[in-house]
Amino acid sequence: MKILKKILLAVAVLLLAVAALLWWLPARWAMPLLQPSLHGLCLQQVGGTLWEGHADQVVSPAGRVLGRVQWQLSRTALFGQTDLQLDFAGPQFGMDGHIRKLPAGQVDVADLQAHAELSALIDPRMRLPLGQPRGEIVLNARHALLQSGWPLELQADWQWRQAAVHMKNDDVALGDLHGTLAAQGGVIHAQWQDDGQGPLRTTGDLEFSLLGWRLEAELQPRRADPALQRWIAALGKPGADGALHIARSGGMAAAIKGKTAQ
């Protein structure tokens, strides 16, 4: 009987020690276990605990330092309920938001603020027909519900600051644009307009899903700008006033529109 009590006491002490270790687990000890899920990113100069920690250097698979990250992870993750507050700060990209993993593989994102330099996101070797986007994208998402990375629900505002496109022979300035993003049932609706002062007057409305897309937009130079006029002409034939009206669709959206027209 005494031996059984000693065994039970030893097991209890061991369980308490394991629980204490998990409760205050140093972040640097957990990194080897987390590395396979970081998709090639490497966290260096790690401090704090697994539950509230930081890495002063986040390094890309190519060896480039992207920035630093801080996190707060709820201990409910021990029971399979991920609840994470993430703050990433870098010279060309930043993000701050609250992320929860829900049943059925869904992810709930709240109060997400992000910004990125487009020149850092797009491979300069890519040859895009309308040029490579330049400037800074700023996103403020109040709520998003993701399924396999696709937004089923979304409420967000966005800005494209110092918008421009880099062409082979010209850099085309577009000004500052802003708009909204909304999604319901997996259908995303984006709207935009310019700030009223830049070289391009534009409004637009884009709706897309996994089945198709539909775009309506208007673009017109505010003043004589040969590079901007050539760029607009590459999208279509402007009217006599120099304004280009776009109405296009693809996928199932185009098929449905075509049958309706018939």
Protein backbone atom coordinates (compact mmCIF):
# COMPACT_ATOMS: atom_id res chain seq x y z
CA MET A 1 0.00 0.00 0.00
CA LYS A 2 2.84 2.40 0.88
CA ILE A 3 4.53 1.58 -2.42
CA LEU A 4 1.31 2.40 -4.32
CA LYS A 5 1.03 5.74 -2.51
CA LYS A 6 4.63 6.56 -3.39
CA ILE A 7 4.01 5.70 -7.03
CA LEU A 8 0.86 7.83 -7.15
CA LEU A 9 2.66 10.71 -5.47
CA ALA A 10 5.55 10.44 -7.94
CA VAL A 11 3.11 10.42 -10.87
CA ALA A 12 1.31 13.46 -9.45
CA VAL A 13 4.58 15.35 -9.00
CA LEU A 14 5.62 14.42 -12.55
CA LEU A 15 2.29 15.61 -13.99
CA LEU A 16 2.56 18.88 -12.07
CA ALA A 17 6.10 19.36 -13.36
CA VAL A 18 4.97 18.72 -16.95
CA ALA A 19 2.01 21.09 -16.50
CA ALA A 20 4.28 23.78 -15.06
CA LEU A 21 6.73 23.32 -17.95
CA LEU A 22 3.96 23.67 -20.51
CA TRP A 23 2.46 26.64 -18.67
CA TRP A 24 5.74 28.60 -18.72
CA LEU A 25 7.40 26.90 -21.72
CA PRO A 26 10.23 29.14 -23.07
CA ALA A 27 9.58 30.09 -26.67
CA ARG A 28 13.08 29.11 -27.80
CA TRP A 29 12.48 25.54 -26.58
CA ALA A 30 9.32 25.29 -28.66
CA MET A 31 10.87 26.58 -31.91
CA PRO A 32 12.19 23.19 -33.15
CA LEU A 33 8.66 21.79 -32.82
CA LEU A 34 7.03 24.77 -34.55
CA GLN A 35 9.56 25.14 -37.39
CA PRO A 36 7.84 22.69 -39.82
CA SER A 37 4.63 24.77 -39.66
CA LEU A 38 6.35 28.09 -40.49
CA HIS A 39 6.56 27.37 -44.25
CA GLY A 40 10.29 28.06 -44.49
CA LEU A 41 10.36 31.14 -42.26
CA CYS A 42 12.93 31.15 -39.48
CA LEU A 43 12.47 32.93 -36.13
CA GLN A 44 15.69 34.19 -34.56
CA GLN A 45 16.54 36.01 -31.34
CA VAL A 46 13.50 34.45 -29.71
CA GLY A 47 12.46 35.47 -26.20
CA GLY A 48 9.56 35.15 -23.79
CA THR A 49 7.34 32.10 -23.53
CA LEU A 50 5.39 30.09 -26.05
CA TRP A 51 2.29 31.91 -24.82
CA GLU A 52 3.66 35.44 -24.79
CA GLY A 53 6.86 35.91 -26.71
CA HIS A 54 8.72 37.61 -29.51
CA ALA A 55 11.29 37.05 -32.22
CA ASP A 56 13.46 40.03 -33.08
CA GLN A 57 14.22 38.64 -36.53
CA VAL A 58 11.90 36.84 -38.93
CA VAL A 59 14.00 35.51 -41.80
CA SER A 60 12.63 34.43 -45.18
CA PRO A 61 13.61 31.13 -46.85
CA ALA A 62 15.97 33.21 -49.03
CA GLY A 63 17.73 34.55 -45.93
CA ARG A 64 16.26 38.08 -45.98
CA VAL A 65 15.27 39.67 -42.65
CA LEU A 66 11.58 40.59 -42.95
CA GLY A 67 11.01 42.17 -39.55
CA ARG A 68 10.13 41.25 -35.96
CA VAL A 69 7.08 39.57 -34.45
CA GLN A 70 5.33 39.51 -31.10
CA TRP A 71 2.54 37.15 -30.12
CA GLN A 72 0.10 36.23 -27.39
CA LEU A 73 -1.23 32.68 -27.63
CA SER A 74 -4.03 31.51 -25.37
CA ARG A 75 -3.26 28.37 -23.37
CA THR A 76 -6.51 26.93 -24.71
CA ALA A 77 -4.26 25.87 -27.61
CA LEU A 78 -3.33 22.91 -25.37
CA PHE A 79 -6.90 21.73 -25.94
CA GLY A 80 -6.94 22.41 -29.68
CA GLN A 81 -8.49 25.90 -29.51
CA THR A 82 -6.09 28.35 -31.16
CA ASP A 83 -6.58 31.98 -30.07
CA LEU A 84 -3.72 34.22 -31.19
CA GLN A 85 -2.90 37.92 -31.09
CA LEU A 86 -0.15 38.60 -33.63
CA ASP A 87 1.89 41.75 -34.25
CA PHE A 88 4.40 41.68 -37.10
CA ALA A 89 6.44 44.78 -37.93
CA GLY A 90 8.86 45.16 -40.82
CA PRO A 91 10.18 47.85 -43.16
CA GLN A 92 8.02 46.67 -46.08
CA PHE A 93 5.21 44.72 -44.42
CA GLY A 94 3.30 44.91 -41.16
CA MET A 95 0.30 43.17 -39.63
CA ASP A 96 -1.56 43.31 -36.33
CA GLY A 97 -4.66 41.26 -35.63
CA HIS A 98 -6.55 38.66 -33.63
CA ILE A 99 -6.84 35.15 -35.08
CA ARG A 100 -8.98 32.25 -33.87
CA LYS A 101 -9.16 28.78 -35.34
CA LEU A 102 -12.73 27.50 -35.49
CA PRO A 103 -14.17 24.01 -36.05
CA ALA A 104 -14.29 22.63 -39.60
CA GLY A 105 -11.01 24.33 -40.46
CA GLN A 106 -12.40 27.87 -40.50
CA VAL A 107 -10.36 30.83 -39.27
CA ASP A 108 -11.87 33.95 -37.69
CA VAL A 109 -9.86 37.19 -38.02
CA ALA A 110 -10.79 40.37 -36.14
CA ASP A 111 -9.41 43.92 -36.04
CA LEU A 112 -6.72 43.17 -38.61
CA GLN A 113 -4.53 46.06 -39.71
CA ALA A 114 -1.97 45.39 -42.42
CA HIS A 115 0.20 47.33 -44.83
CA ALA A 116 2.63 46.24 -47.52
CA GLU A 117 4.91 47.74 -50.15
CA LEU A 118 3.78 46.20 -53.43
CA SER A 119 7.31 46.28 -54.83
CA ALA A 120 8.31 43.84 -52.09
CA LEU A 121 5.39 41.47 -52.70
CA ILE A 122 5.67 41.14 -56.48
CA ASP A 123 8.60 39.44 -58.15
CA PRO A 124 10.31 42.07 -60.34
CA ARG A 125 11.02 39.39 -62.93
CA MET A 126 7.28 39.01 -63.61
CA ARG A 127 6.15 40.70 -66.81
CA LEU A 128 2.58 41.84 -66.23
CA PRO A 129 0.75 43.24 -69.30
CA LEU A 130 -0.45 46.36 -67.45
CA GLY A 131 2.75 46.88 -65.49
CA GLN A 132 3.91 46.06 -62.01
CA PRO A 133 1.91 47.74 -59.23
CA ARG A 134 3.82 50.14 -57.01
CA GLY A 135 2.92 51.99 -53.84
CA GLU A 136 1.61 50.90 -50.45
CA ILE A 137 -1.51 48.86 -49.77
CA VAL A 138 -3.19 49.47 -46.39
CA LEU A 139 -5.95 47.14 -45.17
CA ASN A 140 -8.20 47.56 -42.15
CA ALA A 141 -10.37 44.45 -41.75
CA ARG A 142 -12.90 44.60 -38.94
CA HIS A 143 -13.97 40.99 -39.46
CA ALA A 144 -13.12 38.08 -41.75
CA LEU A 145 -14.12 34.43 -41.78
CA LEU A 146 -11.82 32.25 -43.90
CA GLN A 147 -12.26 28.74 -45.26
CA SER A 148 -9.06 27.30 -46.79
CA GLY A 149 -7.80 30.88 -47.11
CA TRP A 150 -10.88 32.13 -49.00
CA PRO A 151 -13.07 34.77 -47.27
CA LEU A 152 -16.61 33.57 -46.64
CA GLU A 153 -17.33 36.78 -44.73
CA LEU A 154 -15.40 40.04 -44.85
CA GLN A 155 -15.76 43.67 -43.80
CA ALA A 156 -12.77 45.85 -44.63
CA ASP A 157 -11.53 49.22 -45.86
CA TRP A 158 -8.44 49.58 -48.01
CA GLN A 159 -6.16 52.27 -49.44
CA TRP A 160 -3.64 52.21 -52.25
CA ARG A 161 -1.26 55.04 -51.38
CA GLN A 162 0.91 56.61 -54.07
CA ALA A 163 -0.56 54.13 -56.52
CA ALA A 164 1.49 53.60 -59.67
CA VAL A 165 2.38 50.96 -62.23
CA HIS A 166 5.91 50.36 -63.45
CA MET A 167 6.09 49.86 -67.22
CA LYS A 168 9.09 49.03 -69.39
CA ASN A 169 9.54 52.64 -70.52
CA ASP A 170 7.35 54.62 -68.12
CA ASP A 171 6.26 54.81 -64.52
CA VAL A 172 2.56 55.67 -64.54
CA ALA A 173 1.29 57.55 -61.47
CA LEU A 174 -2.33 56.89 -60.51
CA GLY A 175 -2.62 58.89 -57.27
CA ASP A 176 -4.21 57.74 -54.01
CA LEU A 177 -7.11 55.29 -54.21
CA HIS A 178 -9.37 53.96 -51.49
CA GLY A 179 -12.36 51.68 -51.18
CA THR A 180 -14.14 48.88 -49.37
CA LEU A 181 -14.10 45.09 -49.40
CA ALA A 182 -17.06 42.98 -48.36
CA ALA A 183 -17.82 39.28 -48.65
CA GLN A 184 -20.89 37.20 -47.96
CA GLY A 185 -21.28 33.53 -48.75
CA GLY A 186 -17.88 33.47 -50.45
CA VAL A 187 -18.76 36.25 -52.93
CA ILE A 188 -16.37 39.21 -52.64
CA HIS A 189 -17.43 42.74 -53.54
CA ALA A 190 -14.81 45.48 -53.95
CA GLN A 191 -15.44 49.16 -54.61
CA TRP A 192 -12.97 52.00 -55.12
CA GLN A 193 -12.53 55.64 -56.07
CA ASP A 194 -9.71 58.16 -56.18
CA ASP A 195 -9.17 60.90 -53.60
CA GLY A 196 -10.22 63.65 -56.02
CA GLN A 197 -6.79 65.22 -56.36
CA GLY A 198 -4.55 62.75 -58.22
CA PRO A 199 -3.79 62.42 -61.94
CA LEU A 200 -6.49 59.73 -62.43
CA ARG A 201 -10.20 60.10 -61.88
CA THR A 202 -11.60 56.63 -61.31
CA THR A 203 -14.43 54.69 -59.74
CA GLY A 204 -14.93 50.95 -59.88
CA ASP A 205 -16.97 48.00 -58.75
CA LEU A 206 -15.65 44.42 -58.81
CA GLU A 207 -17.50 41.29 -57.76
CA PHE A 208 -15.85 37.88 -57.84
CA SER A 209 -16.07 34.39 -56.43
CA LEU A 210 -14.58 30.99 -57.20
CA LEU A 211 -17.07 30.72 -60.08
CA GLY A 212 -16.53 33.99 -61.89
CA TRP A 213 -16.11 37.75 -61.79
CA ARG A 214 -17.72 40.96 -63.02
CA LEU A 215 -16.05 44.38 -63.32
CA GLU A 216 -17.39 47.86 -63.99
CA ALA A 217 -15.02 50.83 -63.87
CA GLU A 218 -14.39 54.29 -65.24
CA LEU A 219 -10.95 55.86 -65.74
CA GLN A 220 -10.11 59.36 -66.99
CA PRO A 221 -6.95 61.50 -66.75
CA ARG A 222 -7.44 64.77 -64.90
CA ARG A 223 -4.76 66.48 -66.95
CA ALA A 224 -2.57 65.83 -69.94
CA ASP A 225 -0.34 62.88 -69.10
CA PRO A 226 0.94 60.89 -72.11
CA ALA A 227 2.10 57.91 -70.01
CA LEU A 228 -1.25 57.66 -68.21
CA GLN A 229 -3.17 58.06 -71.48
CA ARG A 230 -1.19 55.24 -73.10
CA TRP A 231 -1.81 53.02 -70.07
CA ILE A 232 -5.56 53.67 -70.20
CA ALA A 233 -5.60 53.02 -73.96
CA ALA A 234 -4.06 49.60 -73.31
CA LEU A 235 -7.22 48.75 -71.33
CA GLY A 236 -9.63 49.79 -74.07
CA LYS A 237 -10.66 52.63 -76.37
CA PRO A 238 -11.43 55.83 -74.46
CA GLY A 239 -14.33 58.07 -75.50
CA ALA A 240 -14.03 61.52 -77.00
CA ASP A 241 -13.65 63.01 -73.52
CA GLY A 242 -10.73 60.68 -72.75
CA ALA A 243 -12.78 58.57 -70.30
CA LEU A 244 -12.70 54.80 -70.53
CA HIS A 245 -15.76 52.84 -69.43
CA ILE A 246 -15.11 49.17 -68.64
CA ALA A 247 -17.74 46.46 -68.28
CA ARG A 248 -16.29 42.96 -68.30
CA SER A 249 -16.95 39.57 -66.77
CA GLY A 250 -15.50 36.07 -66.79
CA GLY A 251 -16.22 32.54 -65.68
CA MET A 252 -19.78 31.69 -64.72
CA ALA A 253 -20.53 35.40 -64.38
CA ALA A 254 -19.86 35.89 -68.10
CA ALA A 255 -21.92 32.83 -69.04
CA ILE A 256 -24.89 34.00 -66.97
CA LYS A 257 -24.64 37.51 -68.40
CA GLY A 258 -24.51 36.12 -71.96
CA LYS A 259 -27.63 33.97 -71.47
CA THR A 260 -29.46 36.95 -69.96
CA ALA A 261 -28.58 39.09 -72.96
CA GLN A 262 -30.02 36.46 -75.30
